[in-house]
Protein backbone atom coordinates (compact mmCIF):
# COMPACT_ATOMS: atom_id res chain seq x y z
CA MET A 1 20.88 -46.43 34.67
CA ASP A 2 19.22 -49.21 33.23
CA LYS A 3 16.75 -49.10 30.36
CA GLN A 4 13.67 -48.73 32.43
CA GLU A 5 15.25 -45.85 34.55
CA LEU A 6 16.24 -43.92 31.45
CA MET A 7 12.53 -44.32 30.14
CA GLU A 8 11.37 -42.92 33.54
CA GLN A 9 13.80 -40.21 33.40
CA LEU A 10 12.47 -38.95 29.81
CA VAL A 11 9.00 -39.40 30.77
CA GLU A 12 9.66 -37.08 33.76
CA HIS A 13 11.39 -34.56 32.08
CA TYR A 14 8.84 -34.37 29.23
CA ARG A 15 5.82 -34.07 31.81
CA HIS A 16 7.94 -31.74 34.25
CA PRO A 17 10.34 -29.83 32.53
CA ARG A 18 12.66 -27.80 34.58
CA HIS A 19 14.25 -25.39 31.96
CA ARG A 20 11.24 -24.86 29.78
CA HIS A 21 10.44 -21.05 29.87
CA GLN A 22 11.70 -17.96 27.91
CA LEU A 23 14.54 -16.12 29.12
CA VAL A 24 13.19 -12.42 28.68
CA ASP A 25 16.63 -10.86 28.83
CA ALA A 26 18.42 -13.58 26.71
CA ASP A 27 21.54 -12.62 24.81
CA VAL A 28 20.42 -15.19 22.34
CA ALA A 29 17.13 -16.99 21.20
CA MET A 30 17.88 -19.64 18.53
CA PRO A 31 15.19 -21.65 16.98
CA GLY A 32 16.06 -25.19 15.70
CA GLY A 33 13.80 -27.68 14.18
CA ASN A 34 13.43 -31.17 12.74
CA PRO A 35 11.11 -30.94 9.81
CA GLY A 36 10.77 -34.57 9.24
CA CYS A 37 8.84 -35.07 12.14
CA GLY A 38 7.84 -31.52 13.61
CA ASP A 39 10.05 -31.25 16.63
CA ILE A 40 10.77 -27.42 17.52
CA VAL A 41 12.93 -26.04 20.20
CA THR A 42 14.03 -22.47 20.86
CA ILE A 43 17.05 -22.15 22.92
CA TYR A 44 17.52 -18.96 25.11
CA LEU A 45 20.90 -18.22 26.27
CA LYS A 46 22.34 -15.81 28.56
CA VAL A 47 26.00 -15.38 28.91
CA ASP A 48 27.82 -14.04 31.90
CA PRO A 49 29.41 -10.73 31.68
CA GLU A 50 32.91 -11.70 30.83
CA GLY A 51 31.47 -13.61 28.07
CA ARG A 52 32.88 -16.91 28.75
CA LEU A 53 30.25 -18.88 30.80
CA ILE A 54 26.52 -19.76 30.26
CA ALA A 55 24.96 -17.94 33.05
CA GLU A 56 21.69 -19.55 32.03
CA ALA A 57 19.81 -21.51 29.55
CA SER A 58 16.33 -22.48 28.88
CA PHE A 59 13.90 -23.52 26.01
CA GLU A 60 10.54 -23.58 24.66
CA GLY A 61 9.30 -26.15 22.01
CA GLU A 62 6.89 -28.77 20.99
CA GLY A 63 7.41 -32.17 19.90
CA CYS A 64 7.86 -35.81 20.86
CA THR A 65 9.01 -37.05 24.42
CA ILE A 66 12.47 -37.50 23.19
CA SER A 67 13.23 -34.08 21.76
CA GLN A 68 11.56 -32.01 24.50
CA ALA A 69 12.99 -34.20 27.37
CA ALA A 70 16.57 -34.41 25.98
CA ALA A 71 16.17 -30.37 25.80
CA ASP A 72 15.48 -30.20 29.46
CA ILE A 73 18.26 -33.02 30.44
CA LEU A 74 20.92 -31.22 28.37
CA LEU A 75 20.00 -27.81 29.91
CA ASP A 76 20.14 -29.48 33.35
CA VAL A 77 23.76 -30.54 33.01
CA VAL A 78 24.49 -26.99 31.33
CA ASN A 79 23.12 -24.87 33.85
CA GLU A 80 24.19 -26.83 36.94
CA GLU A 81 27.82 -27.61 35.85
CA ARG A 82 28.09 -23.61 34.62
CA TRP A 83 29.31 -24.73 31.23
CA THR A 84 31.57 -22.53 29.29
CA LEU A 85 30.94 -21.56 25.47
CA ASP A 86 33.94 -23.71 24.59
CA GLN A 87 32.43 -26.76 26.45
CA VAL A 88 29.17 -26.37 24.42
CA LEU A 89 31.19 -26.05 21.01
CA GLU A 90 33.23 -28.98 22.09
CA ALA A 91 30.49 -31.33 22.96
CA ASP A 92 29.73 -34.11 20.53
CA TYR A 93 26.70 -35.99 19.89
CA HIS A 94 27.79 -38.98 21.97
CA LEU A 95 26.85 -36.52 25.00
CA MET A 96 23.25 -37.33 24.39
CA ALA A 97 23.68 -40.96 24.53
CA ASP A 98 25.18 -40.52 27.94
CA LEU A 99 22.49 -38.16 29.15
CA ILE A 100 19.56 -40.06 27.74
CA GLY A 101 20.61 -43.42 26.99
CA GLU A 102 22.15 -44.89 23.44
CA GLU A 103 18.85 -46.61 22.76
CA ALA A 104 16.74 -43.27 22.67
CA VAL A 105 19.59 -41.73 20.36
CA LYS A 106 19.73 -44.74 17.89
CA LEU A 107 16.02 -44.88 17.72
CA ARG A 108 15.69 -40.95 17.33
CA PRO A 109 18.84 -39.55 16.39
CA ARG A 110 17.22 -36.24 15.05
CA CYS A 111 15.06 -35.88 18.08
CA ALA A 112 17.57 -36.73 20.58
CA THR A 113 20.31 -34.50 19.25
CA LEU A 114 18.22 -31.35 18.34
CA ALA A 115 18.58 -29.36 21.47
CA LEU A 116 22.29 -29.65 21.27
CA GLY A 117 22.59 -28.86 17.71
CA THR A 118 20.46 -25.59 18.63
CA LEU A 119 22.56 -24.90 21.86
CA LYS A 120 25.66 -24.99 19.44
CA ALA A 121 24.04 -22.69 17.02
CA ALA A 122 23.02 -20.33 19.73
CA VAL A 123 26.59 -20.06 21.20
CA THR A 124 27.99 -19.65 17.62
CA LYS A 125 25.48 -16.87 17.18
CA TYR A 126 26.43 -15.29 20.22
CA LEU A 127 30.24 -15.32 19.46
CA ARG A 128 29.51 -13.95 15.98
CA ASP A 129 27.30 -11.24 17.20
CA ARG A 130 30.26 -10.47 19.83
CA LEU A 131 32.86 -10.34 16.88
CA ARG A 132 30.48 -7.86 14.88
CA ARG A 133 30.00 -5.45 17.56
CA GLU A 134 33.62 -5.45 18.70
CA ALA A 135 34.64 -4.68 14.97
CA GLY A 136 31.94 -1.91 14.87
CA LEU A 137 29.87 -3.61 11.90
CA ASP A 138 26.84 -3.02 13.81
CA MET A 139 27.40 0.94 13.60
CA VAL A 140 28.23 0.78 9.93
CA GLU A 141 24.70 -1.15 9.33
CA GLN A 142 22.92 1.73 11.35
CA GLU A 143 24.81 4.41 9.35
CA ASN A 144 23.97 2.72 6.13
CA GLU A 145 20.33 2.49 7.05
CA GLN A 146 20.51 6.07 8.31
CA PHE A 147 21.95 7.27 4.82
CA GLY A 148 20.16 5.13 2.60
CA ILE A 149 23.43 3.11 1.70
CA VAL A 150 22.93 -0.21 0.13
CA THR A 151 25.46 -2.71 0.33
CA GLY A 152 25.80 -6.73 -0.18
CA ASP A 153 23.07 -8.86 -1.10
CA ARG A 154 20.60 -6.02 -1.51
CA VAL A 155 22.53 -4.15 -4.29
CA GLU A 156 20.68 -4.50 -7.55
CA ASN A 157 22.31 -5.22 -10.82
CA PRO A 158 22.90 -1.84 -12.40
CA ARG A 159 21.80 -3.26 -15.61
CA ASP A 160 18.47 -4.64 -14.18
CA VAL A 161 17.57 -1.05 -12.83
CA SER A 162 15.32 0.88 -15.49
CA GLY A 163 15.68 4.69 -15.12
């Protein structure tokens, strides 16, 4: 694609996004942002029952044309090609140059890569949460809450407790 076609593609995806909606039954909702310019995206991720493939991914957000169009274009590829979780984790930021053009990435790298970074964080959270469930840690936290047991960072230093 030449420069003009890439610009037209960005504008088209910004004005008429295909994947901009909340997934009500998402396994993960991961917010991400670019504090420097105010771009925000939340990636919603639904994983297949085997826990290997992305069944569906969508986003919500606001910000510049590049950040929002890049999110939609990225999720086009992820959804249409039925990416695995491993493919997301292995993707590098050069992918965004391929998808939206090297010039857009060089011009606004944080905007252009926000969605990919947030998607990677969503996959990492999904995998971490799955490991916690498999290890039974969610049950431990529920029992701690039920019985008033305090562990970890919430424990106060005994010398600081007056009594």
